[in-house]
């Protein structure tokens, strides 16, 4: 009796594998819109007006690519790093697309 159940389970398992195989008639087409690097330059930076905050440095905001459009990321206050300079993020042309370079603290 248990041999019959084992044979039936094995047969159903093998049949199930056949169902999971994709045939050309059921193959779909996926189109990615806005995936990857942008093909147009980011907008001009937004001017953020901030008051002086002693003991802190203002890191300005920047445009981030959101997959379909640019999204503004607001600036923030941070403590300065003695002996270092803040190099802001920037966008550069990379052939027909635009590449983003992160901001960083450097000497």
C-alpha atoms as a PDB file:
ATOM      1  CA  UNK A   1       0.000   0.000   0.000  1.00  0.00           C
ATOM      2  CA  UNK A   2       2.721   2.460   0.891  1.00  0.00           C
ATOM      3  CA  UNK A   3       4.526   1.643  -2.384  1.00  0.00           C
ATOM      4  CA  UNK A   4       1.439   2.770  -4.296  1.00  0.00           C
ATOM      5  CA  UNK A   5       1.388   6.072  -2.366  1.00  0.00           C
ATOM      6  CA  UNK A   6       5.102   6.584  -3.006  1.00  0.00           C
ATOM      7  CA  UNK A   7       4.673   5.861  -6.728  1.00  0.00           C
ATOM      8  CA  UNK A   8       1.670   8.210  -6.924  1.00  0.00           C
ATOM      9  CA  UNK A   9       3.517  10.989  -5.064  1.00  0.00           C
ATOM     10  CA  UNK A  10       6.551  10.593  -7.327  1.00  0.00           C
ATOM     11  CA  UNK A  11       4.407  10.673 -10.465  1.00  0.00           C
ATOM     12  CA  UNK A  12       2.565  13.802  -9.299  1.00  0.00           C
ATOM     13  CA  UNK A  13       5.866  15.462  -8.421  1.00  0.00           C
ATOM     14  CA  UNK A  14       7.298  14.771 -11.870  1.00  0.00           C
ATOM     15  CA  UNK A  15       4.099  15.995 -13.518  1.00  0.00           C
ATOM     16  CA  UNK A  16       4.269  19.151 -11.424  1.00  0.00           C
ATOM     17  CA  UNK A  17       7.776  19.856 -12.684  1.00  0.00           C
ATOM     18  CA  UNK A  18       6.473  19.700 -16.245  1.00  0.00           C
ATOM     19  CA  UNK A  19       3.908  22.384 -15.453  1.00  0.00           C
ATOM     20  CA  UNK A  20       6.637  24.720 -14.155  1.00  0.00           C
ATOM     21  CA  UNK A  21       8.531  24.644 -17.459  1.00  0.00           C
ATOM     22  CA  UNK A  22       7.725  27.709 -19.548  1.00  0.00           C
ATOM     23  CA  UNK A  23       6.617  27.215 -23.129  1.00  0.00           C
ATOM     24  CA  UNK A  24       7.090  29.832 -25.851  1.00  0.00           C
ATOM     25  CA  UNK A  25       3.343  30.468 -25.958  1.00  0.00           C
ATOM     26  CA  UNK A  26       3.301  31.448 -22.284  1.00  0.00           C
ATOM     27  CA  UNK A  27       6.464  33.556 -22.333  1.00  0.00           C
ATOM     28  CA  UNK A  28       5.810  37.188 -21.435  1.00  0.00           C
ATOM     29  CA  UNK A  29       7.582  40.379 -22.370  1.00  0.00           C
ATOM     30  CA  UNK A  30       8.789  42.643 -19.576  1.00  0.00           C
ATOM     31  CA  UNK A  31       9.494  46.272 -20.379  1.00  0.00           C
ATOM     32  CA  UNK A  32      11.429  48.301 -17.801  1.00  0.00           C
ATOM     33  CA  UNK A  33      10.560  51.971 -17.837  1.00  0.00           C
ATOM     34  CA  UNK A  34      12.887  54.343 -16.027  1.00  0.00           C
ATOM     35  CA  UNK A  35      15.238  51.610 -14.863  1.00  0.00           C
ATOM     36  CA  UNK A  36      18.938  52.396 -14.754  1.00  0.00           C
ATOM     37  CA  UNK A  37      20.668  55.693 -15.281  1.00  0.00           C
ATOM     38  CA  UNK A  38      18.788  58.795 -16.416  1.00  0.00           C
ATOM     39  CA  UNK A  39      19.122  60.052 -19.981  1.00  0.00           C
ATOM     40  CA  UNK A  40      18.536  63.707 -19.085  1.00  0.00           C
ATOM     41  CA  UNK A  41      20.387  66.047 -16.726  1.00  0.00           C
ATOM     42  CA  UNK A  42      19.076  66.802 -13.233  1.00  0.00           C
ATOM     43  CA  UNK A  43      17.301  70.108 -12.575  1.00  0.00           C
ATOM     44  CA  UNK A  44      19.140  73.039 -11.030  1.00  0.00           C
ATOM     45  CA  UNK A  45      19.746  72.612  -7.285  1.00  0.00           C
ATOM     46  CA  UNK A  46      17.096  73.965  -4.949  1.00  0.00           C
ATOM     47  CA  UNK A  47      18.382  76.846  -2.836  1.00  0.00           C
ATOM     48  CA  UNK A  48      17.898  75.953   0.819  1.00  0.00           C
ATOM     49  CA  UNK A  49      18.068  78.926   3.152  1.00  0.00           C
ATOM     50  CA  UNK A  50      19.344  78.039   6.591  1.00  0.00           C
ATOM     51  CA  UNK A  51      20.409  80.027   9.649  1.00  0.00           C
ATOM     52  CA  UNK A  52      23.901  79.788  11.068  1.00  0.00           C
ATOM     53  CA  UNK A  53      24.285  76.971  13.574  1.00  0.00           C
ATOM     54  CA  UNK A  54      27.508  77.273  15.614  1.00  0.00           C
ATOM     55  CA  UNK A  55      29.624  74.122  15.748  1.00  0.00           C
ATOM     56  CA  UNK A  56      27.925  72.599  12.703  1.00  0.00           C
ATOM     57  CA  UNK A  57      28.354  72.488   8.925  1.00  0.00           C
ATOM     58  CA  UNK A  58      25.472  72.555   6.454  1.00  0.00           C
ATOM     59  CA  UNK A  59      25.596  69.784   3.851  1.00  0.00           C
ATOM     60  CA  UNK A  60      23.432  70.997   0.930  1.00  0.00           C
ATOM     61  CA  UNK A  61      20.729  68.867  -0.659  1.00  0.00           C
ATOM     62  CA  UNK A  62      21.009  67.158  -4.024  1.00  0.00           C
ATOM     63  CA  UNK A  63      18.944  65.505  -6.747  1.00  0.00           C
ATOM     64  CA  UNK A  64      18.666  61.698  -6.542  1.00  0.00           C
ATOM     65  CA  UNK A  65      17.473  59.539  -9.432  1.00  0.00           C
ATOM     66  CA  UNK A  66      14.256  57.785  -8.388  1.00  0.00           C
ATOM     67  CA  UNK A  67      14.025  55.388 -11.345  1.00  0.00           C
ATOM     68  CA  UNK A  68      11.536  57.532 -13.295  1.00  0.00           C
ATOM     69  CA  UNK A  69      12.358  61.090 -12.248  1.00  0.00           C
ATOM     70  CA  UNK A  70      14.733  63.064 -10.059  1.00  0.00           C
ATOM     71  CA  UNK A  71      13.814  63.418  -6.382  1.00  0.00           C
ATOM     72  CA  UNK A  72      15.167  66.188  -4.156  1.00  0.00           C
ATOM     73  CA  UNK A  73      17.009  65.056  -1.013  1.00  0.00           C
ATOM     74  CA  UNK A  74      17.142  67.910   1.493  1.00  0.00           C
ATOM     75  CA  UNK A  75      20.340  69.083   3.127  1.00  0.00           C
ATOM     76  CA  UNK A  76      21.265  68.525   6.756  1.00  0.00           C
ATOM     77  CA  UNK A  77      23.477  69.775   9.573  1.00  0.00           C
ATOM     78  CA  UNK A  78      26.498  67.774  10.715  1.00  0.00           C
ATOM     79  CA  UNK A  79      29.604  68.259  12.811  1.00  0.00           C
ATOM     80  CA  UNK A  80      32.694  69.379  10.890  1.00  0.00           C
ATOM     81  CA  UNK A  81      35.590  66.979  10.452  1.00  0.00           C
ATOM     82  CA  UNK A  82      38.850  68.771  11.324  1.00  0.00           C
ATOM     83  CA  UNK A  83      41.380  68.551   8.509  1.00  0.00           C
ATOM     84  CA  UNK A  84      38.749  67.456   5.967  1.00  0.00           C
ATOM     85  CA  UNK A  85      36.750  69.241   3.296  1.00  0.00           C
ATOM     86  CA  UNK A  86      33.257  68.316   2.071  1.00  0.00           C
ATOM     87  CA  UNK A  87      33.131  67.460  -1.631  1.00  0.00           C
ATOM     88  CA  UNK A  88      29.472  67.681  -2.650  1.00  0.00           C
ATOM     89  CA  UNK A  89      27.718  65.058  -4.770  1.00  0.00           C
ATOM     90  CA  UNK A  90      27.616  65.693  -8.502  1.00  0.00           C
ATOM     91  CA  UNK A  91      26.164  64.415 -11.739  1.00  0.00           C
ATOM     92  CA  UNK A  92      28.355  63.892 -14.803  1.00  0.00           C
ATOM     93  CA  UNK A  93      27.633  62.793 -18.335  1.00  0.00           C
ATOM     94  CA  UNK A  94      28.465  59.109 -18.949  1.00  0.00           C
ATOM     95  CA  UNK A  95      27.982  58.761 -22.694  1.00  0.00           C
ATOM     96  CA  UNK A  96      24.257  59.139 -23.407  1.00  0.00           C
ATOM     97  CA  UNK A  97      23.358  58.836 -19.699  1.00  0.00           C
ATOM     98  CA  UNK A  98      24.040  60.697 -16.436  1.00  0.00           C
ATOM     99  CA  UNK A  99      26.081  59.211 -13.572  1.00  0.00           C
ATOM    100  CA  UNK A 100      25.811  60.180  -9.907  1.00  0.00           C
ATOM    101  CA  UNK A 101      28.925  60.586  -7.720  1.00  0.00           C
ATOM    102  CA  UNK A 102      28.339  60.572  -3.957  1.00  0.00           C
ATOM    103  CA  UNK A 103      29.516  63.434  -1.777  1.00  0.00           C
ATOM    104  CA  UNK A 104      32.355  62.696   0.618  1.00  0.00           C
ATOM    105  CA  UNK A 105      34.761  64.121   3.173  1.00  0.00           C
ATOM    106  CA  UNK A 106      38.296  64.345   1.739  1.00  0.00           C
ATOM    107  CA  UNK A 107      41.616  66.009   2.437  1.00  0.00           C
END
